[in-house]
Protein backbone atom coordinates (compact mmCIF):
# COMPACT_ATOMS: atom_id res chain seq x y z
CA UNK A 1 0.00 0.00 0.00
CA UNK A 2 1.43 3.44 -0.97
CA UNK A 3 0.97 6.69 0.94
CA UNK A 4 1.60 10.05 -0.74
CA UNK A 5 2.52 13.15 1.21
CA UNK A 6 0.55 16.35 0.39
CA UNK A 7 2.74 19.40 -0.28
CA UNK A 8 1.07 22.82 0.15
CA UNK A 9 2.46 25.79 -1.83
CA UNK A 10 1.35 29.33 -2.48
CA UNK A 11 -0.52 30.55 -5.54
CA UNK A 12 2.48 32.08 -7.21
CA UNK A 13 2.24 35.68 -5.95
CA UNK A 14 5.43 37.71 -5.58
CA UNK A 15 5.28 37.52 -1.79
CA UNK A 16 4.73 33.76 -1.72
CA UNK A 17 7.61 31.70 -0.34
CA UNK A 18 9.43 29.35 -2.67
CA UNK A 19 7.81 25.91 -2.88
CA UNK A 20 9.17 23.37 -0.43
CA UNK A 21 10.83 20.14 -1.52
CA UNK A 22 8.58 17.44 -2.94
CA UNK A 23 8.42 14.52 -0.55
CA UNK A 24 8.58 11.18 -2.37
CA UNK A 25 5.79 8.71 -1.73
CA UNK A 26 6.29 6.25 1.09
CA UNK A 27 6.07 2.87 -0.64
CA UNK A 28 5.60 -0.39 1.17
CA UNK A 29 7.63 -3.32 -0.14
CA UNK A 30 5.33 -5.57 -2.20
CA UNK A 31 4.61 -8.93 -0.59
CA UNK A 32 6.20 -10.68 -3.59
CA UNK A 33 9.52 -9.01 -2.72
CA UNK A 34 9.63 -9.81 0.99
CA UNK A 35 12.26 -12.54 1.03
CA UNK A 36 13.33 -13.87 4.40
CA UNK A 37 15.70 -16.77 4.94
CA UNK A 38 13.86 -19.50 6.83
CA UNK A 39 10.48 -18.40 5.49
CA UNK A 40 8.46 -19.84 2.59
CA UNK A 41 8.97 -18.10 -0.73
CA UNK A 42 6.24 -15.44 -1.11
CA UNK A 43 3.60 -16.21 -3.73
CA UNK A 44 3.85 -14.92 -7.28
CA UNK A 45 1.96 -11.72 -7.98
CA UNK A 46 0.56 -10.26 -11.18
CA UNK A 47 3.28 -8.60 -13.25
CA UNK A 48 6.17 -10.68 -11.92
CA UNK A 49 8.02 -13.34 -13.90
CA UNK A 50 8.94 -16.44 -11.89
CA UNK A 51 11.50 -18.98 -13.12
CA UNK A 52 11.65 -22.09 -10.93
CA UNK A 53 14.33 -24.78 -11.30
CA UNK A 54 12.73 -27.74 -9.51
CA UNK A 55 15.21 -30.24 -8.07
CA UNK A 56 14.31 -33.88 -7.57
CA UNK A 57 17.77 -35.18 -8.42
CA UNK A 58 16.52 -37.09 -11.48
CA UNK A 59 16.91 -34.57 -14.30
CA UNK A 60 15.49 -31.19 -15.25
CA UNK A 61 12.17 -29.46 -14.69
CA UNK A 62 11.83 -25.69 -15.08
CA UNK A 63 8.48 -24.16 -14.14
CA UNK A 64 7.65 -20.64 -15.31
CA UNK A 65 4.89 -18.31 -14.15
CA UNK A 66 4.70 -15.58 -16.77
CA UNK A 67 3.69 -11.96 -15.98
CA UNK A 68 -0.07 -12.48 -16.48
CA UNK A 69 -0.21 -15.91 -14.79
CA UNK A 70 0.30 -18.01 -17.92
CA UNK A 71 2.22 -21.15 -16.88
CA UNK A 72 4.84 -23.25 -18.66
CA UNK A 73 6.88 -26.30 -17.68
CA UNK A 74 10.00 -27.13 -19.64
CA UNK A 75 10.81 -30.83 -19.17
CA UNK A 76 9.71 -33.28 -16.49
CA UNK A 77 12.62 -35.16 -14.92
CA UNK A 78 12.12 -38.91 -15.06
CA UNK A 79 15.45 -40.72 -14.75
CA UNK A 80 15.57 -43.71 -12.36
CA UNK A 81 16.63 -42.85 -8.81
CA UNK A 82 20.34 -43.46 -8.32
CA UNK A 83 19.65 -45.33 -5.08
CA UNK A 84 17.82 -48.07 -7.02
CA UNK A 85 19.94 -48.19 -10.16
CA UNK A 86 23.09 -50.05 -11.20
CA UNK A 87 25.33 -47.55 -12.95
CA UNK A 88 28.24 -49.98 -13.23
CA UNK A 89 29.12 -48.84 -16.74
CA UNK A 90 28.22 -45.19 -16.35
CA UNK A 91 28.80 -42.29 -13.98
CA UNK A 92 26.37 -42.56 -11.07
CA UNK A 93 23.67 -40.09 -10.23
CA UNK A 94 23.32 -37.89 -7.18
CA UNK A 95 20.92 -38.54 -4.31
CA UNK A 96 17.21 -38.15 -4.99
CA UNK A 97 15.53 -35.14 -3.41
CA UNK A 98 13.81 -35.09 -1.02
CA UNK A 99 14.14 -38.90 -1.05
CA UNK A 100 14.09 -41.91 -3.38
CA UNK A 101 10.63 -42.80 -2.03
CA UNK A 102 9.07 -39.92 -4.00
CA UNK A 103 9.05 -40.11 -7.80
CA UNK A 104 10.55 -37.06 -9.46
CA UNK A 105 7.25 -36.55 -11.29
CA UNK A 106 5.46 -36.30 -7.96
CA UNK A 107 8.09 -33.84 -6.72
CA UNK A 108 7.27 -31.65 -9.73
CA UNK A 109 3.51 -31.98 -9.20
CA UNK A 110 3.72 -31.05 -5.52
CA UNK A 111 5.95 -28.09 -6.28
CA UNK A 112 3.71 -26.72 -9.03
CA UNK A 113 0.54 -27.19 -7.00
CA UNK A 114 2.11 -25.21 -4.17
CA UNK A 115 3.23 -22.25 -6.30
CA UNK A 116 0.73 -22.19 -9.17
CA UNK A 117 -1.37 -19.00 -9.35
CA UNK A 118 -5.13 -19.38 -9.03
CA UNK A 119 -5.57 -17.96 -12.53
CA UNK A 120 -3.88 -21.11 -13.89
CA UNK A 121 -7.00 -23.07 -12.97
CA UNK A 122 -5.08 -26.19 -12.00
CA UNK A 123 -3.65 -26.58 -15.51
CA UNK A 124 -0.39 -26.04 -17.37
CA UNK A 125 -0.77 -23.75 -20.37
CA UNK A 126 2.41 -25.09 -21.98
CA UNK A 127 4.68 -28.09 -21.60
CA UNK A 128 7.88 -27.97 -23.66
CA UNK A 129 9.80 -31.20 -24.24
CA UNK A 130 13.30 -29.92 -24.91
CA UNK A 131 14.23 -33.34 -26.38
CA UNK A 132 13.40 -37.02 -25.97
CA UNK A 133 15.65 -38.19 -23.15
CA UNK A 134 14.42 -39.83 -19.97
CA UNK A 135 15.77 -37.19 -17.61
CA UNK A 136 13.58 -34.67 -19.46
CA UNK A 137 10.35 -36.49 -20.40
CA UNK A 138 10.38 -39.79 -18.47
CA UNK A 139 12.34 -43.01 -18.85
CA UNK A 140 11.78 -46.55 -19.99
CA UNK A 141 13.17 -49.47 -17.99
CA UNK A 142 12.01 -53.06 -18.29
CA UNK A 143 12.11 -53.35 -14.50
CA UNK A 144 9.88 -50.28 -14.07
CA UNK A 145 8.16 -51.72 -10.98
CA UNK A 146 11.47 -51.47 -9.14
CA UNK A 147 11.25 -47.69 -9.39
CA UNK A 148 7.59 -47.36 -8.43
CA UNK A 149 6.53 -46.43 -11.95
CA UNK A 150 2.95 -47.70 -12.01
CA UNK A 151 1.76 -48.94 -15.43
CA UNK A 152 -1.46 -47.48 -16.86
CA UNK A 153 -3.66 -48.50 -19.77
CA UNK A 154 -4.60 -46.17 -22.60
CA UNK A 155 -7.57 -44.81 -20.64
CA UNK A 156 -5.54 -43.87 -17.60
CA UNK A 157 -6.38 -46.83 -15.39
CA UNK A 158 -3.63 -48.46 -13.30
CA UNK A 159 -2.90 -52.03 -14.44
CA UNK A 160 -0.58 -54.85 -13.35
CA UNK A 161 1.73 -54.66 -16.39
CA UNK A 162 2.30 -52.29 -19.27
CA UNK A 163 1.13 -52.90 -22.84
CA UNK A 164 2.92 -50.38 -25.05
CA UNK A 165 1.29 -51.57 -28.26
CA UNK A 166 -2.17 -50.91 -26.79
CA UNK A 167 -1.42 -47.37 -25.65
CA UNK A 168 -0.12 -48.08 -22.16
CA UNK A 169 2.23 -45.71 -20.35
CA UNK A 170 4.10 -45.42 -17.06
CA UNK A 171 3.54 -43.03 -14.18
CA UNK A 172 6.81 -41.20 -14.69
CA UNK A 173 7.99 -37.91 -16.13
CA UNK A 174 5.45 -36.03 -18.24
CA UNK A 175 2.79 -38.68 -17.63
CA UNK A 176 2.98 -38.31 -13.85
CA UNK A 177 2.78 -34.53 -14.16
CA UNK A 178 0.03 -34.56 -16.78
CA UNK A 179 -2.27 -36.94 -14.94
CA UNK A 180 -2.39 -34.54 -11.98
CA UNK A 181 -2.07 -31.22 -13.83
CA UNK A 182 -3.76 -31.29 -17.27
CA UNK A 183 -1.65 -29.77 -20.03
CA UNK A 184 -3.28 -27.43 -22.56
CA UNK A 185 -0.50 -27.54 -25.17
CA UNK A 186 2.64 -29.67 -25.60
CA UNK A 187 5.47 -28.32 -27.73
CA UNK A 188 8.42 -30.39 -28.96
CA UNK A 189 10.78 -30.83 -31.91
CA UNK A 190 8.25 -32.96 -33.79
CA UNK A 191 8.37 -36.62 -34.71
CA UNK A 192 11.78 -37.97 -33.80
CA UNK A 193 12.17 -39.51 -37.25
CA UNK A 194 12.76 -36.02 -38.65
CA UNK A 195 15.60 -35.84 -38.01
CA UNK A 196 16.42 -39.21 -36.44
CA UNK A 197 18.94 -39.24 -33.60
CA UNK A 198 21.34 -42.09 -32.87
CA UNK A 199 18.72 -43.67 -30.58
CA UNK A 200 16.03 -43.82 -33.25
CA UNK A 201 16.49 -47.55 -33.91
CA UNK A 202 17.45 -48.67 -30.40
CA UNK A 203 15.00 -50.73 -28.38
CA UNK A 204 15.15 -48.49 -25.30
CA UNK A 205 14.85 -45.35 -27.42
CA UNK A 206 11.81 -46.67 -29.29
CA UNK A 207 10.04 -47.66 -26.09
CA UNK A 208 10.78 -44.36 -24.35
CA UNK A 209 9.38 -42.39 -27.28
CA UNK A 210 6.37 -44.71 -27.47
CA UNK A 211 5.63 -44.02 -23.79
CA UNK A 212 5.65 -40.34 -24.65
CA UNK A 213 3.32 -40.80 -27.62
CA UNK A 214 0.96 -43.03 -25.66
CA UNK A 215 0.57 -40.49 -22.89
CA UNK A 216 0.01 -37.67 -25.38
CA UNK A 217 -2.69 -39.77 -27.03
CA UNK A 218 -4.37 -40.24 -23.64
CA UNK A 219 -4.04 -36.53 -22.86
CA UNK A 220 -5.55 -35.57 -26.22
CA UNK A 221 -8.55 -37.89 -25.78
CA UNK A 222 -9.21 -37.27 -22.10
CA UNK A 223 -7.98 -33.73 -21.49
CA UNK A 224 -8.01 -32.06 -24.90
CA UNK A 225 -4.22 -31.59 -24.95
CA UNK A 226 -2.85 -30.25 -28.24
CA UNK A 227 0.61 -31.18 -29.54
CA UNK A 228 2.55 -28.79 -31.76
CA UNK A 229 6.01 -28.75 -33.30
CA UNK A 230 8.16 -25.80 -32.22
CA UNK A 231 8.13 -23.18 -34.99
CA UNK A 232 11.72 -21.91 -35.00
CA UNK A 233 12.01 -18.14 -35.23
CA UNK A 234 8.50 -17.45 -34.00
CA UNK A 235 7.39 -15.37 -31.02
CA UNK A 236 3.69 -16.07 -31.57
CA UNK A 237 3.62 -19.71 -30.45
CA UNK A 238 4.28 -19.32 -26.73
CA UNK A 239 2.25 -16.27 -25.73
CA UNK A 240 0.56 -14.78 -22.70
CA UNK A 241 -2.92 -16.30 -22.38
CA UNK A 242 -4.66 -14.02 -19.88
CA UNK A 243 -3.68 -10.38 -20.43
CA UNK A 244 -1.05 -10.06 -23.14
CA UNK A 245 -1.89 -6.40 -23.84
CA UNK A 246 -0.83 -5.49 -20.31
CA UNK A 247 2.69 -6.87 -20.71
CA UNK A 248 3.80 -6.04 -24.23
CA UNK A 249 7.52 -6.21 -23.36
CA UNK A 250 7.29 -9.95 -22.69
CA UNK A 251 7.93 -12.54 -25.39
CA UNK A 252 9.39 -15.98 -25.97
CA UNK A 253 11.51 -16.49 -29.07
CA UNK A 254 11.91 -20.04 -30.42
CA UNK A 255 15.63 -19.95 -31.25
CA UNK A 256 16.29 -23.55 -32.34
CA UNK A 257 14.80 -27.03 -32.53
CA UNK A 258 15.54 -30.21 -34.48
CA UNK A 259 18.74 -28.73 -35.90
CA UNK A 260 16.98 -25.63 -37.27
CA UNK A 261 18.17 -22.23 -36.03
CA UNK A 262 16.56 -18.81 -36.24
CA UNK A 263 18.34 -16.57 -38.78
CA UNK A 264 17.72 -13.35 -36.87
CA UNK A 265 15.40 -12.11 -39.65
CA UNK A 266 11.67 -12.22 -38.97
CA UNK A 267 10.59 -15.80 -38.36
CA UNK A 268 12.92 -17.47 -40.85
CA UNK A 269 15.14 -20.40 -39.88
CA UNK A 270 17.77 -22.56 -41.51
CA UNK A 271 19.69 -25.78 -40.92
CA UNK A 272 23.03 -27.21 -41.99
CA UNK A 273 22.01 -30.76 -41.07
CA UNK A 274 21.93 -33.52 -43.70
CA UNK A 275 18.48 -34.72 -44.73
CA UNK A 276 16.61 -37.18 -42.52
CA UNK A 277 17.18 -39.92 -45.13
CA UNK A 278 20.92 -39.31 -45.21
CA UNK A 279 21.12 -39.26 -41.41
CA UNK A 280 19.27 -42.55 -41.21
CA UNK A 281 21.48 -44.21 -43.83
CA UNK A 282 24.65 -43.03 -42.09
CA UNK A 283 23.45 -43.29 -38.52
CA UNK A 284 26.49 -45.11 -37.16
CA UNK A 285 28.84 -42.74 -38.98
CA UNK A 286 27.26 -39.43 -38.01
CA UNK A 287 26.24 -40.59 -34.52
CA UNK A 288 23.87 -37.64 -34.19
CA UNK A 289 22.86 -37.25 -30.57
CA UNK A 290 19.36 -36.41 -29.42
CA UNK A 291 20.89 -33.53 -27.47
CA UNK A 292 21.94 -31.71 -30.64
CA UNK A 293 18.26 -31.50 -31.58
CA UNK A 294 17.14 -29.73 -28.39
CA UNK A 295 14.53 -26.98 -28.40
CA UNK A 296 16.08 -23.62 -27.46
CA UNK A 297 14.13 -20.62 -26.17
CA UNK A 298 14.92 -17.01 -25.30
CA UNK A 299 12.62 -15.38 -22.73
CA UNK A 300 12.52 -11.58 -22.70
CA UNK A 301 10.74 -9.23 -20.29
CA UNK A 302 11.67 -5.57 -20.44
CA UNK A 303 15.45 -5.53 -20.06
CA UNK A 304 15.57 -9.06 -18.65
CA UNK A 305 16.68 -11.97 -20.86
CA UNK A 306 16.98 -15.68 -20.14
CA UNK A 307 18.45 -18.38 -22.39
CA UNK A 308 17.32 -22.00 -22.03
CA UNK A 309 18.62 -24.64 -24.42
CA UNK A 310 17.79 -28.11 -23.16
CA UNK A 311 20.81 -30.38 -23.67
CA UNK A 312 22.13 -28.74 -26.83
CA UNK A 313 25.81 -29.56 -27.31
CA UNK A 314 28.60 -29.47 -29.90
CA UNK A 315 30.58 -32.72 -29.59
CA UNK A 316 31.95 -34.04 -32.90
CA UNK A 317 31.68 -30.55 -34.43
CA UNK A 318 35.34 -30.60 -35.47
CA UNK A 319 34.53 -33.57 -37.70
CA UNK A 320 31.01 -32.50 -38.68
CA UNK A 321 30.74 -28.68 -38.41
CA UNK A 322 26.97 -28.84 -38.94
CA UNK A 323 26.68 -30.31 -35.43
CA UNK A 324 27.76 -27.02 -33.86
CA UNK A 325 24.25 -25.67 -33.31
CA UNK A 326 25.55 -23.46 -30.49
CA UNK A 327 27.90 -21.60 -32.85
CA UNK A 328 25.09 -21.01 -35.31
CA UNK A 329 22.82 -19.69 -32.54
CA UNK A 330 25.49 -17.34 -31.22
CA UNK A 331 25.21 -15.13 -34.31
CA UNK A 332 21.60 -14.17 -33.46
CA UNK A 333 21.81 -13.89 -29.67
CA UNK A 334 23.06 -11.30 -27.20
CA UNK A 335 24.01 -10.92 -23.54
CA UNK A 336 21.51 -12.36 -21.04
CA UNK A 337 20.92 -11.96 -17.33
CA UNK A 338 20.24 -15.66 -16.73
CA UNK A 339 21.30 -18.83 -18.53
CA UNK A 340 19.96 -22.31 -17.93
CA UNK A 341 23.15 -24.33 -18.34
CA UNK A 342 22.86 -26.56 -21.40
CA UNK A 343 23.15 -30.32 -20.80
CA UNK A 344 23.50 -29.91 -17.02
CA UNK A 345 26.84 -28.13 -17.58
CA UNK A 346 28.64 -31.31 -18.57
CA UNK A 347 31.40 -31.60 -21.21
CA UNK A 348 31.09 -30.58 -24.90
CA UNK A 349 28.38 -28.03 -24.30
CA UNK A 350 28.11 -24.34 -23.37
CA UNK A 351 30.72 -23.54 -25.97
CA UNK A 352 33.09 -20.59 -26.07
CA UNK A 353 31.26 -19.24 -29.12
CA UNK A 354 27.91 -19.22 -27.33
CA UNK A 355 29.11 -18.04 -23.92
CA UNK A 356 31.13 -15.18 -25.40
CA UNK A 357 27.85 -13.78 -26.69
CA UNK A 358 25.53 -14.62 -23.77
CA UNK A 359 27.92 -13.60 -20.96
CA UNK A 360 25.36 -14.67 -18.31
CA UNK A 361 25.29 -13.01 -14.91
CA UNK A 362 23.49 -16.02 -13.42
CA UNK A 363 24.19 -19.60 -14.57
CA UNK A 364 21.86 -22.33 -13.27
CA UNK A 365 22.84 -25.98 -13.71
CA UNK A 366 20.26 -28.70 -13.14
CA UNK A 367 22.74 -31.29 -11.88
CA UNK A 368 21.77 -34.96 -11.52
CA UNK A 369 25.04 -36.86 -12.19
CA UNK A 370 28.28 -36.93 -10.22
CA UNK A 371 30.27 -35.56 -13.19
CA UNK A 372 28.20 -32.38 -13.40
CA UNK A 373 29.20 -29.58 -13.67
CA UNK A 374 32.32 -30.13 -15.77
CA UNK A 375 35.31 -27.95 -14.75
CA UNK A 376 36.35 -27.12 -18.32
CA UNK A 377 32.80 -25.98 -19.03
CA UNK A 378 32.75 -23.71 -15.98
CA UNK A 379 36.10 -22.25 -17.01
CA UNK A 380 34.53 -21.20 -20.31
CA UNK A 381 31.71 -19.57 -18.35
CA UNK A 382 34.18 -17.52 -16.29
CA UNK A 383 36.25 -16.65 -19.35
CA UNK A 384 33.13 -15.15 -20.91
CA UNK A 385 32.12 -13.31 -17.73
CA UNK A 386 34.35 -13.49 -14.67
CA UNK A 387 31.49 -12.18 -12.50
CA UNK A 388 29.05 -14.97 -13.35
CA UNK A 389 27.37 -16.50 -10.29
CA UNK A 390 27.03 -20.29 -10.51
CA UNK A 391 24.03 -22.11 -9.03
CA UNK A 392 23.86 -25.91 -9.05
CA UNK A 393 20.89 -27.92 -7.82
CA UNK A 394 23.23 -30.66 -6.57
CA UNK A 395 26.97 -31.25 -6.27
CA UNK A 396 28.51 -34.60 -5.44
CA UNK A 397 31.43 -34.65 -2.99
CA UNK A 398 33.62 -36.39 -5.57
CA UNK A 399 33.09 -33.52 -8.00
CA UNK A 400 33.98 -30.97 -5.36
CA UNK A 401 37.44 -32.55 -5.35
CA UNK A 402 37.57 -32.52 -9.15
CA UNK A 403 36.56 -28.89 -9.40
CA UNK A 404 39.01 -27.73 -6.74
CA UNK A 405 41.83 -29.59 -8.48
CA UNK A 406 41.03 -27.51 -11.57
CA UNK A 407 41.06 -24.25 -9.65
CA UNK A 408 37.30 -23.84 -9.21
CA UNK A 409 36.05 -23.40 -5.64
CA UNK A 410 32.40 -24.44 -5.18
CA UNK A 411 32.34 -22.33 -2.01
CA UNK A 412 31.99 -19.31 -4.32
CA UNK A 413 28.83 -20.70 -5.94
CA UNK A 414 25.43 -19.22 -5.18
CA UNK A 415 24.41 -22.70 -4.05
CA UNK A 416 25.35 -26.34 -4.51
CA UNK A 417 21.92 -27.75 -3.73
CA UNK A 418 18.24 -26.83 -3.65
CA UNK A 419 15.50 -25.49 -5.86
CA UNK A 420 16.64 -22.27 -7.58
CA UNK A 421 14.13 -19.49 -8.25
CA UNK A 422 14.59 -16.30 -10.26
CA UNK A 423 11.92 -13.68 -9.60
CA UNK A 424 11.82 -10.80 -12.06
CA UNK A 425 10.10 -7.59 -10.92
CA UNK A 426 7.22 -5.97 -12.76
CA UNK A 427 8.43 -4.56 -16.07
CA UNK A 428 11.66 -6.57 -16.07
CA UNK A 429 13.99 -3.93 -14.60
CA UNK A 430 15.40 -6.01 -11.73
CA UNK A 431 15.45 -9.56 -10.40
CA UNK A 432 16.35 -11.72 -7.41
CA UNK A 433 17.70 -15.26 -7.09
CA UNK A 434 16.33 -17.37 -4.24
CA UNK A 435 17.43 -20.84 -3.16
CA UNK A 436 14.81 -23.10 -1.55
CA UNK A 437 15.36 -26.08 0.74
CA UNK A 438 14.85 -29.34 -1.21
CA UNK A 439 15.21 -31.71 1.75
CA UNK A 440 11.46 -31.47 2.33
CA UNK A 441 8.48 -29.92 0.55
CA UNK A 442 8.07 -26.78 2.66
CA UNK A 443 9.89 -24.56 0.14
CA UNK A 444 11.62 -22.32 2.65
CA UNK A 445 14.32 -19.89 1.53
CA UNK A 446 17.88 -20.87 2.42
CA UNK A 447 19.69 -18.13 0.49
CA UNK A 448 18.73 -14.90 -1.24
CA UNK A 449 20.58 -12.71 -3.74
CA UNK A 450 19.72 -9.38 -5.29
CA UNK A 451 18.04 -7.33 -6.39
CA UNK A 452 20.15 -7.15 -9.55
CA UNK A 453 19.47 -4.51 -12.18
CA UNK A 454 18.76 -5.57 -15.76
CA UNK A 455 20.84 -3.57 -18.21
């Protein structure tokens, strides 16, 4: 509530005293900006932009509340909990949060239901699948019962065993989120045959994608969910649904998807990738990863900018330059306030070419493996902007040793565990970064940073 002081002056006669100083209004801090360590994060308010990195330790899930209350979830973590998985031939995962007894999908549901604005009506306006990996949309494992992933039939009824060919799906990832929070529109890179990644003909890849399709079929029939392919270059696909005219400085640009990249001119896009037929014929030679095909978005609100690029990476680009999607994107991007670290800040991603342009002030890594973040990757971040503040949702003790050996001290990070929230003020002139306790589901603030000005 604001109170204005009344200043009395004369009528301008020659004997009138000079006007006194104007007393500025006494403004009370808005409830949405009252951040106290140990207290629950204040609720979103109209005009603010909230960016929530939800940590369940099983992959990525970023929940956005846009300025008019439109909601969007990018990815729904669904990798198996490390505590119940044999990673003998791979780097192990970090501990599940708050515990392995709660599916990551349920963690996402509980989080969204706590913070969702009433105007959302219990729904998600948008779900964006950055790409078709289990730590982003939900996994397939033959021993799914071991992880508590209940099988469902095509009509959404729990059954004793899954039947993929009859439309069955598992309660995991997007399916677990969508059963509790209906999704209005799903956006992705399109059918994974165009272009096909290296997993296109693998048994596990086929089954994971089929789970995704089966749930989307259920959601379309039962909830009216619409699926669309990301239109690269466009700003009219992800839009404010409630009061767009009130917040004209907000927009979401589709920068890349499926190997296509925005040219910087209008809504046009281009790709250097071989044709889908050529990729399929030379699959073992090109070894095109699903990550290269990630959907990339740029969120803008006033002077605030955020880059989010799924798991986009550039490995093998020295041999096949067309794989360097990051380099191609760099030519149409600019400095941002916040960057969602691509591919959990592991190796062969967040390239020098991209970081030199983005120069993020805040760098948020959704860590779920012990090798994340990669020290060489973080060095590139600091080379681009020595003042960048690093936030990681998790950090394994073994990687602390690795990072320190490479001259990177995690003690300087904004956090090494927790949910990370960026709250942008009305109009996009300033923002805060808040860290929330992920050891329970009370969502209390453990650290606060800002406000930072958007330039």
